[in-house]
Amino acid sequence: MNELNLATRIRQLRKKKGITQETMAAALLVSPQAVSKWESGTFCA
């Protein structure tokens, strides 16, 4: 799976569950900015 597909999949699954980036970030103990970067494909491996 390439980075763009992973980013798209993360966003799709989050939206399917009906949660915000902020809620997801809190559940994963990361910042909302981290979730945003994951979803835009600008994260570092």
PDB file of N, CA and C in Angstrom:
ATOM      1  N   MET A   1       0.862  -1.185   0.000  1.00  0.00           N
ATOM      2  CA  MET A   1       0.000   0.000   0.000  1.00  0.00           C
ATOM      3  C   MET A   1       0.898   1.234   0.000  1.00  0.00           C
ATOM      4  N   ASN A   2       0.687   2.122  -0.958  1.00  0.00           N
ATOM      5  CA  ASN A   2       1.512   3.322  -0.981  1.00  0.00           C
ATOM      6  C   ASN A   2       0.984   4.368  -0.008  1.00  0.00           C
ATOM      7  N   GLU A   3       1.767   5.420   0.212  1.00  0.00           N
ATOM      8  CA  GLU A   3       1.425   6.428   1.219  1.00  0.00           C
ATOM      9  C   GLU A   3       0.090   7.104   0.938  1.00  0.00           C
ATOM     10  N   LEU A   4      -0.194   7.416  -0.317  1.00  0.00           N
ATOM     11  CA  LEU A   4      -1.440   8.097  -0.642  1.00  0.00           C
ATOM     12  C   LEU A   4      -2.637   7.198  -0.347  1.00  0.00           C
ATOM     13  N   ASN A   5      -2.534   5.924  -0.687  1.00  0.00           N
ATOM     14  CA  ASN A   5      -3.633   4.995  -0.391  1.00  0.00           C
ATOM     15  C   ASN A   5      -3.833   4.845   1.103  1.00  0.00           C
ATOM     16  N   LEU A   6      -2.752   4.818   1.863  1.00  0.00           N
ATOM     17  CA  LEU A   6      -2.854   4.704   3.311  1.00  0.00           C
ATOM     18  C   LEU A   6      -3.528   5.949   3.882  1.00  0.00           C
ATOM     19  N   ALA A   7      -3.127   7.113   3.413  1.00  0.00           N
ATOM     20  CA  ALA A   7      -3.724   8.365   3.888  1.00  0.00           C
ATOM     21  C   ALA A   7      -5.219   8.405   3.588  1.00  0.00           C
ATOM     22  N   THR A   8      -5.588   8.006   2.401  1.00  0.00           N
ATOM     23  CA  THR A   8      -6.995   7.980   2.006  1.00  0.00           C
ATOM     24  C   THR A   8      -7.772   6.990   2.861  1.00  0.00           C
ATOM     25  N   ARG A   9      -7.189   5.847   3.120  1.00  0.00           N
ATOM     26  CA  ARG A   9      -7.863   4.817   3.913  1.00  0.00           C
ATOM     27  C   ARG A   9      -8.069   5.266   5.357  1.00  0.00           C
ATOM     28  N   ILE A  10      -7.075   5.922   5.935  1.00  0.00           N
ATOM     29  CA  ILE A  10      -7.213   6.436   7.297  1.00  0.00           C
ATOM     30  C   ILE A  10      -8.388   7.412   7.360  1.00  0.00           C
ATOM     31  N   ARG A  11      -8.439   8.341   6.414  1.00  0.00           N
ATOM     32  CA  ARG A  11      -9.516   9.328   6.382  1.00  0.00           C
ATOM     33  C   ARG A  11     -10.878   8.663   6.188  1.00  0.00           C
ATOM     34  N   GLN A  12     -10.957   7.708   5.260  1.00  0.00           N
ATOM     35  CA  GLN A  12     -12.225   7.019   5.002  1.00  0.00           C
ATOM     36  C   GLN A  12     -12.736   6.297   6.241  1.00  0.00           C
ATOM     37  N   LEU A  13     -11.859   5.591   6.912  1.00  0.00           N
ATOM     38  CA  LEU A  13     -12.273   4.836   8.092  1.00  0.00           C
ATOM     39  C   LEU A  13     -12.699   5.757   9.226  1.00  0.00           C
ATOM     40  N   ARG A  14     -11.978   6.868   9.410  1.00  0.00           N
ATOM     41  CA  ARG A  14     -12.347   7.825  10.455  1.00  0.00           C
ATOM     42  C   ARG A  14     -13.720   8.411  10.178  1.00  0.00           C
ATOM     43  N   LYS A  15     -13.953   8.807   8.939  1.00  0.00           N
ATOM     44  CA  LYS A  15     -15.246   9.394   8.585  1.00  0.00           C
ATOM     45  C   LYS A  15     -16.372   8.359   8.674  1.00  0.00           C
ATOM     46  N   LYS A  16     -16.088   7.118   8.313  1.00  0.00           N
ATOM     47  CA  LYS A  16     -17.093   6.054   8.409  1.00  0.00           C
ATOM     48  C   LYS A  16     -17.541   5.864   9.852  1.00  0.00           C
ATOM     49  N   LYS A  17     -16.608   6.011  10.782  1.00  0.00           N
ATOM     50  CA  LYS A  17     -16.933   5.892  12.210  1.00  0.00           C
ATOM     51  C   LYS A  17     -17.591   7.166  12.748  1.00  0.00           C
ATOM     52  N   GLY A  18     -17.553   8.241  11.963  1.00  0.00           N
ATOM     53  CA  GLY A  18     -18.200   9.483  12.368  1.00  0.00           C
ATOM     54  C   GLY A  18     -17.463  10.239  13.463  1.00  0.00           C
ATOM     55  N   ILE A  19     -16.138  10.119  13.477  1.00  0.00           N
ATOM     56  CA  ILE A  19     -15.377  10.838  14.500  1.00  0.00           C
ATOM     57  C   ILE A  19     -14.515  11.926  13.868  1.00  0.00           C
ATOM     58  N   THR A  20     -14.229  12.926  14.664  1.00  0.00           N
ATOM     59  CA  THR A  20     -13.399  14.028  14.197  1.00  0.00           C
ATOM     60  C   THR A  20     -11.921  13.662  14.321  1.00  0.00           C
ATOM     61  N   GLN A  21     -11.089  14.464  13.670  1.00  0.00           N
ATOM     62  CA  GLN A  21      -9.647  14.272  13.826  1.00  0.00           C
ATOM     63  C   GLN A  21      -9.244  14.463  15.280  1.00  0.00           C
ATOM     64  N   GLU A  22      -9.885  15.391  15.959  1.00  0.00           N
ATOM     65  CA  GLU A  22      -9.563  15.660  17.361  1.00  0.00           C
ATOM     66  C   GLU A  22      -9.891  14.457  18.240  1.00  0.00           C
ATOM     67  N   THR A  23     -11.040  13.825  17.992  1.00  0.00           N
ATOM     68  CA  THR A  23     -11.434  12.644  18.760  1.00  0.00           C
ATOM     69  C   THR A  23     -10.479  11.490  18.495  1.00  0.00           C
ATOM     70  N   MET A  24     -10.131  11.298  17.246  1.00  0.00           N
ATOM     71  CA  MET A  24      -9.198  10.227  16.895  1.00  0.00           C
ATOM     72  C   MET A  24      -7.841  10.475  17.538  1.00  0.00           C
ATOM     73  N   ALA A  25      -7.390  11.713  17.490  1.00  0.00           N
ATOM     74  CA  ALA A  25      -6.103  12.061  18.085  1.00  0.00           C
ATOM     75  C   ALA A  25      -6.096  11.774  19.582  1.00  0.00           C
ATOM     76  N   ALA A  26      -7.161  12.144  20.262  1.00  0.00           N
ATOM     77  CA  ALA A  26      -7.245  11.905  21.708  1.00  0.00           C
ATOM     78  C   ALA A  26      -7.218  10.414  22.017  1.00  0.00           C
ATOM     79  N   ALA A  27      -7.899   9.613  21.213  1.00  0.00           N
ATOM     80  CA  ALA A  27      -7.939   8.169  21.437  1.00  0.00           C
ATOM     81  C   ALA A  27      -6.566   7.533  21.222  1.00  0.00           C
ATOM     82  N   LEU A  28      -5.779   8.115  20.317  1.00  0.00           N
ATOM     83  CA  LEU A  28      -4.464   7.558  19.991  1.00  0.00           C
ATOM     84  C   LEU A  28      -3.319   8.249  20.734  1.00  0.00           C
ATOM     85  N   LEU A  29      -3.680   9.235  21.567  1.00  0.00           N
ATOM     86  CA  LEU A  29      -2.692   9.992  22.344  1.00  0.00           C
ATOM     87  C   LEU A  29      -1.663  10.690  21.455  1.00  0.00           C
ATOM     88  N   VAL A  30      -2.172  11.290  20.375  1.00  0.00           N
ATOM     89  CA  VAL A  30      -1.348  12.100  19.479  1.00  0.00           C
ATOM     90  C   VAL A  30      -2.050  13.437  19.279  1.00  0.00           C
ATOM     91  N   SER A  31      -1.389  14.356  18.617  1.00  0.00           N
ATOM     92  CA  SER A  31      -1.996  15.662  18.375  1.00  0.00           C
ATOM     93  C   SER A  31      -2.942  15.593  17.174  1.00  0.00           C
ATOM     94  N   PRO A  32      -3.923  16.492  17.138  1.00  0.00           N
ATOM     95  CA  PRO A  32      -4.786  16.559  15.954  1.00  0.00           C
ATOM     96  C   PRO A  32      -3.980  16.866  14.689  1.00  0.00           C
ATOM     97  N   GLN A  33      -2.890  17.592  14.843  1.00  0.00           N
ATOM     98  CA  GLN A  33      -2.036  17.888  13.692  1.00  0.00           C
ATOM     99  C   GLN A  33      -1.421  16.615  13.123  1.00  0.00           C
ATOM    100  N   ALA A  34      -1.105  15.651  13.996  1.00  0.00           N
ATOM    101  CA  ALA A  34      -0.550  14.371  13.527  1.00  0.00           C
ATOM    102  C   ALA A  34      -1.575  13.638  12.669  1.00  0.00           C
ATOM    103  N   VAL A  35      -2.813  13.604  13.125  1.00  0.00           N
ATOM    104  CA  VAL A  35      -3.873  12.937  12.352  1.00  0.00           C
ATOM    105  C   VAL A  35      -4.048  13.641  11.007  1.00  0.00           C
ATOM    106  N   SER A  36      -4.020  14.946  11.020  1.00  0.00           N
ATOM    107  CA  SER A  36      -4.145  15.706   9.777  1.00  0.00           C
ATOM    108  C   SER A  36      -3.021  15.357   8.808  1.00  0.00           C
ATOM    109  N   LYS A  37      -1.814  15.250   9.317  1.00  0.00           N
ATOM    110  CA  LYS A  37      -0.678  14.892   8.458  1.00  0.00           C
ATOM    111  C   LYS A  37      -0.823  13.478   7.919  1.00  0.00           C
ATOM    112  N   TRP A  38      -1.299  12.562   8.761  1.00  0.00           N
ATOM    113  CA  TRP A  38      -1.515  11.188   8.283  1.00  0.00           C
ATOM    114  C   TRP A  38      -2.499  11.189   7.124  1.00  0.00           C
ATOM    115  N   GLU A  39      -3.565  11.951   7.276  1.00  0.00           N
ATOM    116  CA  GLU A  39      -4.629  11.961   6.266  1.00  0.00           C
ATOM    117  C   GLU A  39      -4.227  12.698   4.992  1.00  0.00           C
ATOM    118  N   SER A  40      -3.266  13.594   5.100  1.00  0.00           N
ATOM    119  CA  SER A  40      -2.825  14.316   3.908  1.00  0.00           C
ATOM    120  C   SER A  40      -1.628  13.630   3.253  1.00  0.00           C
ATOM    121  N   GLY A  41      -1.114  12.592   3.913  1.00  0.00           N
ATOM    122  CA  GLY A  41       0.015  11.855   3.350  1.00  0.00           C
ATOM    123  C   GLY A  41       1.354  12.524   3.571  1.00  0.00           C
ATOM    124  N   THR A  42       1.431  13.436   4.537  1.00  0.00           N
ATOM    125  CA  THR A  42       2.688  14.147   4.790  1.00  0.00           C
ATOM    126  C   THR A  42       3.390  13.655   6.052  1.00  0.00           C
ATOM    127  N   PHE A  43       3.082  12.438   6.463  1.00  0.00           N
ATOM    128  CA  PHE A  43       3.696  11.883   7.657  1.00  0.00           C
ATOM    129  C   PHE A  43       5.054  11.296   7.324  1.00  0.00           C
ATOM    130  N   CYS A  44       5.869  11.111   8.317  1.00  0.00           N
ATOM    131  CA  CYS A  44       7.183  10.494   8.153  1.00  0.00           C
ATOM    132  C   CYS A  44       7.117   9.046   8.624  1.00  0.00           C
ATOM    133  N   ALA A  45       7.807   8.201   7.927  1.00  0.00           N
ATOM    134  CA  ALA A  45       7.827   6.782   8.297  1.00  0.00           C
ATOM    135  C   ALA A  45       8.908   6.520   9.314  1.00  0.00           C
TER     136      ALA A  45
END
